[in-house]
Protein backbone atom coordinates (compact mmCIF):
# COMPACT_ATOMS: atom_id res chain seq x y z
CA UNK A 1 -93.01 206.05 85.88
CA UNK A 2 -91.89 202.61 87.03
CA UNK A 3 -94.29 199.67 87.26
CA UNK A 4 -94.56 199.04 91.00
CA UNK A 5 -95.38 195.57 92.29
CA UNK A 6 -96.06 194.21 95.77
CA UNK A 7 -95.31 191.03 97.71
CA UNK A 8 -95.95 189.90 101.26
CA UNK A 9 -92.81 189.44 103.36
CA UNK A 10 -92.57 186.66 105.91
CA UNK A 11 -93.34 189.16 108.71
CA UNK A 12 -96.75 189.78 107.10
CA UNK A 13 -96.34 193.31 105.69
CA UNK A 14 -96.50 194.18 101.99
CA UNK A 15 -93.39 195.62 100.38
CA UNK A 16 -93.38 197.62 97.16
CA UNK A 17 -90.74 196.78 94.59
CA UNK A 18 -89.75 197.53 90.99
CA UNK A 19 -88.47 194.80 88.67
CA UNK A 20 -86.91 196.19 85.49
CA UNK A 21 -84.73 194.86 82.70
CA UNK A 22 -83.59 191.43 81.61
CA UNK A 23 -80.41 189.57 82.36
CA UNK A 24 -78.61 188.50 85.54
CA UNK A 25 -80.33 189.68 88.71
CA UNK A 26 -78.93 192.86 90.27
CA UNK A 27 -80.64 193.33 93.63
CA UNK A 28 -80.49 196.51 95.74
CA UNK A 29 -81.17 196.30 99.48
CA UNK A 30 -83.10 199.43 100.41
CA UNK A 31 -81.38 202.55 101.75
CA UNK A 32 -82.54 205.02 104.43
CA UNK A 33 -85.78 206.57 103.10
CA UNK A 34 -86.93 205.86 99.55
CA UNK A 35 -90.04 206.20 97.41
CA UNK A 36 -90.08 204.20 94.19
CA UNK A 37 -92.30 206.64 92.30
CA UNK A 38 -91.07 209.97 93.66
CA UNK A 39 -87.40 208.99 93.31
CA UNK A 40 -87.98 207.96 89.70
CA UNK A 41 -89.10 211.52 88.88
CA UNK A 42 -85.44 212.58 89.16
CA UNK A 43 -83.84 212.50 85.67
CA UNK A 44 -80.48 211.42 87.11
CA UNK A 45 -82.11 208.56 89.06
CA UNK A 46 -84.17 207.42 86.06
CA UNK A 47 -81.15 207.53 83.71
CA UNK A 48 -78.93 205.60 86.13
CA UNK A 49 -81.37 202.73 86.60
CA UNK A 50 -82.37 202.67 82.93
CA UNK A 51 -78.71 202.10 82.07
CA UNK A 52 -78.36 199.26 84.58
CA UNK A 53 -81.66 197.74 83.41
CA UNK A 54 -80.22 197.54 79.88
CA UNK A 55 -77.75 194.94 81.20
CA UNK A 56 -79.37 193.41 84.27
CA UNK A 57 -82.66 192.49 85.84
CA UNK A 58 -82.66 195.31 88.40
CA UNK A 59 -84.83 194.96 91.51
CA UNK A 60 -85.15 197.65 94.20
CA UNK A 61 -87.78 198.14 96.91
CA UNK A 62 -89.13 200.43 99.62
CA UNK A 63 -88.54 199.12 103.11
CA UNK A 64 -91.46 198.65 105.48
CA UNK A 65 -92.86 201.93 106.78
CA UNK A 66 -91.67 204.17 103.94
CA UNK A 67 -92.48 204.94 100.33
CA UNK A 68 -95.20 202.72 98.88
CA UNK A 69 -94.70 199.82 101.31
CA UNK A 70 -97.06 199.12 104.22
CA UNK A 71 -97.00 201.56 107.12
CA UNK A 72 -97.75 200.56 110.69
CA UNK A 73 -95.94 199.08 113.72
CA UNK A 74 -92.48 197.82 112.87
CA UNK A 75 -89.30 196.81 114.67
CA UNK A 76 -86.26 198.10 112.80
CA UNK A 77 -83.18 195.92 113.17
CA UNK A 78 -80.57 194.22 111.04
CA UNK A 79 -82.39 190.89 111.50
CA UNK A 80 -85.67 192.43 110.30
CA UNK A 81 -83.98 194.02 107.27
CA UNK A 82 -82.31 190.72 106.43
CA UNK A 83 -85.61 188.84 106.71
CA UNK A 84 -87.26 191.25 104.24
CA UNK A 85 -84.41 190.84 101.77
CA UNK A 86 -84.60 187.05 102.07
CA UNK A 87 -88.36 187.20 101.48
CA UNK A 88 -87.87 189.24 98.31
CA UNK A 89 -85.24 186.87 96.91
CA UNK A 90 -87.53 183.91 97.56
CA UNK A 91 -90.41 185.76 95.90
CA UNK A 92 -88.32 186.52 92.79
CA UNK A 93 -87.43 182.84 92.36
CA UNK A 94 -83.79 183.46 91.38
CA UNK A 95 -81.14 181.04 92.62
CA UNK A 96 -78.25 183.53 92.44
CA UNK A 97 -77.91 187.30 92.38
CA UNK A 98 -75.48 190.16 92.14
CA UNK A 99 -76.12 192.57 95.00
CA UNK A 100 -75.56 196.34 95.02
CA UNK A 101 -75.57 197.71 98.56
CA UNK A 102 -75.65 201.50 98.62
CA UNK A 103 -75.01 203.49 101.80
CA UNK A 104 -76.83 201.81 104.73
CA UNK A 105 -77.86 199.00 102.38
CA UNK A 106 -74.24 197.80 102.50
CA UNK A 107 -74.26 196.13 105.95
CA UNK A 108 -77.51 194.34 105.06
CA UNK A 109 -75.95 193.14 101.79
CA UNK A 110 -72.92 191.83 103.69
CA UNK A 111 -75.12 190.02 106.20
CA UNK A 112 -77.06 188.36 103.38
CA UNK A 113 -73.86 187.38 101.53
CA UNK A 114 -72.48 185.82 104.72
CA UNK A 115 -75.67 183.91 105.49
CA UNK A 116 -76.34 182.79 101.89
CA UNK A 117 -72.94 182.49 100.17
CA UNK A 118 -74.31 180.05 97.61
CA UNK A 119 -76.80 182.65 96.36
CA UNK A 120 -74.49 185.66 95.92
CA UNK A 121 -72.51 185.84 92.70
CA UNK A 122 -70.84 189.20 93.31
CA UNK A 123 -71.24 192.07 95.72
CA UNK A 124 -70.85 195.82 95.10
CA UNK A 125 -70.77 198.24 98.03
CA UNK A 126 -71.20 201.87 97.04
CA UNK A 127 -70.63 204.71 99.53
CA UNK A 128 -71.13 202.26 102.37
CA UNK A 129 -69.51 201.43 105.69
CA UNK A 130 -68.55 198.65 108.07
CA UNK A 131 -70.07 199.87 111.35
CA UNK A 132 -72.47 202.79 111.69
CA UNK A 133 -71.10 203.78 115.06
CA UNK A 134 -67.99 205.13 113.33
CA UNK A 135 -69.90 207.66 111.22
CA UNK A 136 -70.62 210.20 113.98
CA UNK A 137 -69.93 210.56 117.68
CA UNK A 138 -72.68 209.11 119.91
CA UNK A 139 -73.81 212.61 120.95
CA UNK A 140 -74.02 213.75 117.31
CA UNK A 141 -76.01 210.64 116.40
CA UNK A 142 -78.52 211.32 119.17
CA UNK A 143 -78.78 215.01 118.27
CA UNK A 144 -79.44 214.31 114.58
CA UNK A 145 -82.07 211.66 115.32
CA UNK A 146 -83.75 213.97 117.85
CA UNK A 147 -83.85 216.80 115.30
CA UNK A 148 -85.50 214.54 112.70
CA UNK A 149 -87.98 213.21 115.28
CA UNK A 150 -89.04 216.58 116.72
CA UNK A 151 -88.80 218.83 113.67
CA UNK A 152 -88.90 216.89 110.37
CA UNK A 153 -88.57 220.11 108.38
CA UNK A 154 -85.32 221.17 110.05
CA UNK A 155 -84.16 217.56 110.00
CA UNK A 156 -84.59 217.21 106.25
CA UNK A 157 -82.89 220.57 105.77
CA UNK A 158 -79.84 219.45 107.73
CA UNK A 159 -79.62 216.20 105.79
CA UNK A 160 -80.17 218.00 102.48
CA UNK A 161 -77.11 220.13 103.21
CA UNK A 162 -75.10 216.92 103.54
CA UNK A 163 -76.55 215.11 100.52
CA UNK A 164 -76.65 218.11 98.17
CA UNK A 165 -74.09 220.70 99.33
CA UNK A 166 -74.46 223.88 97.31
CA UNK A 167 -77.27 222.47 95.14
CA UNK A 168 -80.42 224.44 95.93
CA UNK A 169 -82.69 222.52 93.55
CA UNK A 170 -81.33 219.17 94.73
CA UNK A 171 -81.91 220.19 98.35
CA UNK A 172 -85.49 221.31 97.63
CA UNK A 173 -86.33 218.03 95.87
CA UNK A 174 -84.65 215.96 98.59
CA UNK A 175 -86.54 217.67 101.43
CA UNK A 176 -89.89 217.33 99.71
CA UNK A 177 -89.36 213.66 98.87
CA UNK A 178 -88.20 212.76 102.36
CA UNK A 179 -91.14 214.43 104.07
CA UNK A 180 -93.61 212.68 101.77
CA UNK A 181 -91.88 209.29 101.96
CA UNK A 182 -91.85 208.72 105.73
CA UNK A 183 -93.27 210.04 108.99
CA UNK A 184 -90.72 211.81 111.24
CA UNK A 185 -90.77 209.07 113.89
CA UNK A 186 -90.06 206.39 111.29
CA UNK A 187 -87.32 208.49 109.68
CA UNK A 188 -85.68 209.01 113.07
CA UNK A 189 -85.82 205.30 113.89
CA UNK A 190 -84.29 204.47 110.51
CA UNK A 191 -81.54 207.00 111.15
CA UNK A 192 -80.85 205.29 114.48
CA UNK A 193 -80.79 201.96 112.66
CA UNK A 194 -78.24 203.37 110.20
CA UNK A 195 -75.90 204.12 113.09
CA UNK A 196 -76.61 200.77 114.77
CA UNK A 197 -75.88 198.57 111.73
CA UNK A 198 -72.66 196.60 112.14
CA UNK A 199 -71.29 194.28 109.46
CA UNK A 200 -68.12 193.31 111.32
CA UNK A 201 -69.51 189.95 112.51
CA UNK A 202 -70.15 188.92 108.89
CA UNK A 203 -67.08 189.94 106.89
CA UNK A 204 -65.11 186.73 107.56
CA UNK A 205 -67.93 184.64 106.05
CA UNK A 206 -68.37 186.61 102.83
CA UNK A 207 -67.08 184.41 99.99
CA UNK A 208 -68.21 186.42 96.98
CA UNK A 209 -65.86 188.89 95.23
CA UNK A 210 -66.58 192.41 96.46
CA UNK A 211 -66.15 195.74 94.71
CA UNK A 212 -65.97 198.69 97.11
CA UNK A 213 -66.87 201.89 95.24
CA UNK A 214 -66.58 205.29 96.89
CA UNK A 215 -66.25 208.86 95.74
CA UNK A 216 -63.17 210.62 97.02
CA UNK A 217 -65.04 213.60 98.49
CA UNK A 218 -68.24 211.89 99.67
CA UNK A 219 -69.96 214.47 101.87
CA UNK A 220 -72.05 211.97 103.88
CA UNK A 221 -69.85 208.90 104.47
CA UNK A 222 -66.09 209.62 104.42
CA UNK A 223 -63.83 207.79 101.99
CA UNK A 224 -61.96 206.31 104.98
CA UNK A 225 -64.96 204.02 105.53
CA UNK A 226 -64.39 202.49 102.08
CA UNK A 227 -60.83 201.58 103.03
CA UNK A 228 -62.07 199.94 106.24
CA UNK A 229 -64.50 197.88 104.22
CA UNK A 230 -61.99 196.83 101.60
CA UNK A 231 -59.34 195.80 104.13
CA UNK A 232 -61.85 193.82 106.23
CA UNK A 233 -63.01 191.65 103.31
CA UNK A 234 -60.81 188.87 101.94
CA UNK A 235 -61.87 189.20 98.28
CA UNK A 236 -62.46 192.94 97.99
CA UNK A 237 -60.99 195.61 95.77
CA UNK A 238 -61.37 199.34 96.27
CA UNK A 239 -62.10 201.73 93.39
CA UNK A 240 -62.12 205.42 94.22
CA UNK A 241 -64.12 207.73 91.96
CA UNK A 242 -63.90 211.47 91.60
CA UNK A 243 -66.65 213.68 93.02
CA UNK A 244 -68.48 214.26 96.28
CA UNK A 245 -72.07 213.11 95.66
CA UNK A 246 -73.21 210.42 98.08
CA UNK A 247 -75.99 208.97 95.94
CA UNK A 248 -74.71 206.85 93.03
CA UNK A 249 -76.95 208.42 90.39
CA UNK A 250 -75.93 212.00 91.25
CA UNK A 251 -72.78 213.58 89.86
CA UNK A 252 -71.05 211.28 87.38
CA UNK A 253 -73.54 208.43 87.54
CA UNK A 254 -72.12 206.96 84.33
CA UNK A 255 -68.79 206.33 86.05
CA UNK A 256 -70.54 204.41 88.82
CA UNK A 257 -72.63 202.41 86.35
CA UNK A 258 -69.55 201.60 84.25
CA UNK A 259 -67.67 200.26 87.27
CA UNK A 260 -70.66 198.16 88.35
CA UNK A 261 -71.12 196.75 84.85
CA UNK A 262 -67.45 195.89 84.47
CA UNK A 263 -67.32 194.12 87.82
CA UNK A 264 -70.69 192.37 87.76
CA UNK A 265 -70.74 191.50 84.09
CA UNK A 266 -67.03 191.11 83.29
CA UNK A 267 -66.39 189.61 79.89
CA UNK A 268 -69.53 190.99 78.24
CA UNK A 269 -68.39 194.61 78.25
CA UNK A 270 -65.64 194.04 75.74
CA UNK A 271 -64.64 195.40 72.40
CA UNK A 272 -66.50 194.95 69.16
CA UNK A 273 -65.13 194.82 65.64
CA UNK A 274 -66.38 198.38 65.14
CA UNK A 275 -64.90 199.68 68.40
CA UNK A 276 -61.91 197.54 69.47
CA UNK A 277 -60.00 198.13 72.70
CA UNK A 278 -57.00 200.36 72.01
CA UNK A 279 -54.10 201.86 73.93
CA UNK A 280 -52.37 204.38 71.68
CA UNK A 281 -49.51 206.74 72.42
CA UNK A 282 -48.90 210.05 70.67
CA UNK A 283 -45.93 211.83 72.22
CA UNK A 284 -46.67 212.28 75.92
CA UNK A 285 -50.37 211.43 75.67
CA UNK A 286 -51.99 207.99 75.84
CA UNK A 287 -55.46 207.59 74.29
CA UNK A 288 -57.59 204.73 75.60
CA UNK A 289 -60.60 203.20 73.81
CA UNK A 290 -62.55 200.68 75.88
CA UNK A 291 -66.21 199.71 76.19
CA UNK A 292 -67.37 202.50 73.89
CA UNK A 293 -65.62 205.20 75.93
CA UNK A 294 -62.47 207.23 75.17
CA UNK A 295 -60.10 208.61 77.81
CA UNK A 296 -56.70 210.29 77.74
CA UNK A 297 -53.81 210.28 80.16
CA UNK A 298 -50.33 211.74 80.34
CA UNK A 299 -47.34 209.48 79.91
CA UNK A 300 -46.16 207.36 82.84
CA UNK A 301 -43.85 204.37 83.16
CA UNK A 302 -46.66 202.23 84.57
CA UNK A 303 -48.75 202.82 81.44
CA UNK A 304 -45.74 201.80 79.33
CA UNK A 305 -45.68 198.55 81.35
CA UNK A 306 -49.39 198.01 80.77
CA UNK A 307 -48.99 198.63 77.05
CA UNK A 308 -46.37 195.90 76.82
CA UNK A 309 -48.52 193.44 78.79
CA UNK A 310 -51.73 194.22 76.88
CA UNK A 311 -49.85 193.74 73.62
CA UNK A 312 -48.71 190.28 74.75
CA UNK A 313 -51.84 188.74 76.35
CA UNK A 314 -51.13 185.67 78.45
CA UNK A 315 -47.33 186.05 78.25
CA UNK A 316 -45.46 186.17 81.55
CA UNK A 317 -42.99 189.05 81.33
CA UNK A 318 -40.13 189.23 83.82
CA UNK A 319 -39.99 192.49 85.75
CA UNK A 320 -36.38 193.05 84.68
CA UNK A 321 -37.53 192.93 81.07
CA UNK A 322 -40.09 195.62 81.89
CA UNK A 323 -37.24 197.69 83.27
CA UNK A 324 -35.20 197.08 80.12
CA UNK A 325 -32.61 194.71 81.62
CA UNK A 326 -31.26 192.35 78.93
CA UNK A 327 -30.96 189.21 81.08
CA UNK A 328 -33.13 188.61 84.15
CA UNK A 329 -30.64 186.10 85.56
CA UNK A 330 -27.64 188.43 85.72
CA UNK A 331 -26.63 191.32 87.90
CA UNK A 332 -26.52 189.87 91.43
CA UNK A 333 -23.41 188.64 93.19
CA UNK A 334 -23.53 185.68 95.55
CA UNK A 335 -23.16 186.77 99.14
CA UNK A 336 -21.25 183.58 99.97
CA UNK A 337 -19.19 181.78 97.32
CA UNK A 338 -18.96 177.99 97.18
CA UNK A 339 -15.41 177.80 98.57
CA UNK A 340 -16.30 179.89 101.62
CA UNK A 341 -19.45 177.88 102.20
CA UNK A 342 -17.47 174.62 102.04
CA UNK A 343 -14.92 176.04 104.49
CA UNK A 344 -17.64 177.01 106.96
CA UNK A 345 -19.20 173.58 106.76
CA UNK A 346 -15.80 171.84 107.33
CA UNK A 347 -15.24 173.99 110.40
CA UNK A 348 -18.70 173.07 111.69
CA UNK A 349 -17.85 169.38 111.32
CA UNK A 350 -14.60 169.92 113.27
CA UNK A 351 -16.44 171.76 116.04
CA UNK A 352 -19.07 169.02 116.30
CA UNK A 353 -16.29 166.43 116.69
CA UNK A 354 -14.42 168.47 119.33
CA UNK A 355 -17.58 169.07 121.33
CA UNK A 356 -17.68 165.35 122.10
CA UNK A 357 -14.34 165.41 123.90
CA UNK A 358 -13.32 168.87 125.15
CA UNK A 359 -13.47 170.26 128.67
CA UNK A 360 -16.40 172.49 129.68
CA UNK A 361 -14.69 175.93 129.17
CA UNK A 362 -13.48 175.01 125.66
CA UNK A 363 -16.83 173.42 124.85
CA UNK A 364 -18.53 176.72 125.68
CA UNK A 365 -16.19 178.66 123.36
CA UNK A 366 -16.75 176.13 120.56
CA UNK A 367 -20.50 176.32 121.05
CA UNK A 368 -20.38 180.12 120.63
CA UNK A 369 -18.29 179.77 117.48
CA UNK A 370 -20.67 177.15 116.11
CA UNK A 371 -23.69 179.41 116.74
CA UNK A 372 -21.98 182.31 114.99
CA UNK A 373 -21.15 180.16 111.94
CA UNK A 374 -24.71 178.89 111.71
CA UNK A 375 -26.08 182.44 111.86
CA UNK A 376 -23.70 183.55 109.11
CA UNK A 377 -24.62 180.63 106.85
CA UNK A 378 -28.34 181.21 107.47
CA UNK A 379 -28.03 184.89 106.61
CA UNK A 380 -26.06 184.28 103.40
CA UNK A 381 -27.93 181.29 101.97
CA UNK A 382 -31.45 180.83 100.66
CA UNK A 383 -33.77 177.88 100.22
CA UNK A 384 -31.97 174.56 99.92
CA UNK A 385 -28.69 176.06 101.17
CA UNK A 386 -28.08 177.99 97.92
CA UNK A 387 -26.03 181.15 98.18
CA UNK A 388 -28.32 184.16 98.60
CA UNK A 389 -27.69 187.00 96.16
CA UNK A 390 -26.73 190.44 97.38
CA UNK A 391 -28.99 193.32 96.29
CA UNK A 392 -31.19 190.94 94.27
CA UNK A 393 -32.23 193.02 91.23
CA UNK A 394 -35.34 190.92 90.59
CA UNK A 395 -36.75 191.70 94.02
CA UNK A 396 -36.01 195.40 93.67
CA UNK A 397 -37.55 195.38 90.20
CA UNK A 398 -40.65 193.55 91.43
CA UNK A 399 -41.36 196.27 94.00
CA UNK A 400 -40.72 199.07 91.51
CA UNK A 401 -42.79 197.62 88.68
CA UNK A 402 -45.69 196.55 90.91
CA UNK A 403 -45.92 200.04 92.42
CA UNK A 404 -45.93 201.81 89.08
CA UNK A 405 -48.41 199.38 87.45
CA UNK A 406 -50.81 199.76 90.38
CA UNK A 407 -50.45 203.53 90.23
CA UNK A 408 -51.19 203.46 86.49
CA UNK A 409 -54.32 201.34 87.04
CA UNK A 410 -55.45 203.79 89.74
CA UNK A 411 -54.94 206.73 87.36
CA UNK A 412 -56.81 204.94 84.57
CA UNK A 413 -59.65 204.10 86.95
CA UNK A 414 -60.05 207.79 87.80
CA UNK A 415 -60.82 208.67 84.16
CA UNK A 416 -62.31 205.33 83.04
CA UNK A 417 -63.71 203.36 86.03
CA UNK A 418 -64.86 200.43 83.91
CA UNK A 419 -61.36 199.87 82.55
CA UNK A 420 -59.82 200.43 85.98
CA UNK A 421 -61.89 197.54 87.34
CA UNK A 422 -61.05 195.35 84.33
CA UNK A 423 -57.31 195.91 84.66
CA UNK A 424 -57.41 195.47 88.43
CA UNK A 425 -58.87 192.00 87.89
CA UNK A 426 -56.77 190.88 84.92
CA UNK A 427 -53.26 192.27 85.41
CA UNK A 428 -51.07 189.92 87.45
CA UNK A 429 -47.95 191.34 89.10
CA UNK A 430 -44.98 189.72 90.78
CA UNK A 431 -41.55 188.69 89.53
CA UNK A 432 -43.43 187.86 86.33
CA UNK A 433 -46.29 190.09 85.16
CA UNK A 434 -49.07 189.23 82.71
CA UNK A 435 -52.39 190.35 81.25
CA UNK A 436 -54.86 187.51 81.80
CA UNK A 437 -57.94 189.11 80.28
CA UNK A 438 -59.84 187.91 77.24
CA UNK A 439 -60.17 191.32 75.56
CA UNK A 440 -57.92 191.70 72.46
CA UNK A 441 -56.03 195.00 72.40
CA UNK A 442 -54.56 197.18 69.68
CA UNK A 443 -51.47 198.76 71.21
CA UNK A 444 -49.22 201.43 69.77
CA UNK A 445 -46.29 202.66 71.86
CA UNK A 446 -45.18 205.24 69.32
CA UNK A 447 -46.72 208.12 67.37
CA UNK A 448 -50.13 207.36 65.90
């Protein structure tokens, strides 16, 4: 069982928290209803946090009114949740933290990151959302809260169906833990708070890099909410994981932990002499070794591109070279040759001279001709008046290569989330592409 500690928040109530592991602080704002001891009895929960505690100082807590924290009168609001989180950070004495906001802990994490940008190193949002009002219709929100308030047994059963679809044992454990972790009135008020939380006022002030993690088939908060989050934040990236479990430790908890570790602790999860990073091709199959994990993927052009970049770390490779073109500077014809351009410019000079002297009808015709010449020159020249190239192969290649590299990283992330995050942060695309990571790779593009 975890060693539970207590501190007094600025509002005067005592909050229970667990402080495990050593390393950089990874802080979890509390989710809907938790119980530090009862939750830890789940093997999946215990394994997930034990893994994170091997790399970080992991701190999680029960919010006021639930679990092992003080019960009693309480106003539930975003401001109150933020004040409790601030009190805990002050109590811990850490100047900076990595924050993991799960589910309804996400909006609170965003509010804290916006208010205290100097104290947030990185931010991970798992299975979270931007505004709770988008999760259910207003009538459905009221009905669910009323069910929890008036019949806690039926309420926990309905929620258990969402959190653990088809898992009888998981549903039984969930219902028992919820009923023993909070009174029905408190649970209903926290459910109403979940729907009332709104992070939209804060997203423009979040400076920290953000990783948005979401399972594709999440049965509680739809994957569309992850896209809303990622597009609203300036420094966010979205990683989609397989599965439908809403809680991070359920299902493939290792995939979630790997993605968190790679993002929050990038540069320390690298290769060792005994287990170097490798990308090896055997026929139509690529085998990947990274961070102590092996994955396999079918052949794809984007993985071929990645293999070339990983094998030449730091080198800027032109997209035409990735497509196999021998000379990146050839293959495009000038839309307007120099002689034609000179002719157009001479005619413009003649028109400008005639405009000073001609009668009004002729001046109007010359003005129309002048406008047409200027439009033609503008369309057929680039920056500095240089002739623009027709069907520029570099631009076409940039779009093609970028799309297939991004698709390859997405496919890799589905089978190896940790590497998907690493490549998403270290592969640069554009007219020139490069691998800017510090991990040395062994690459083989032929039979092993």
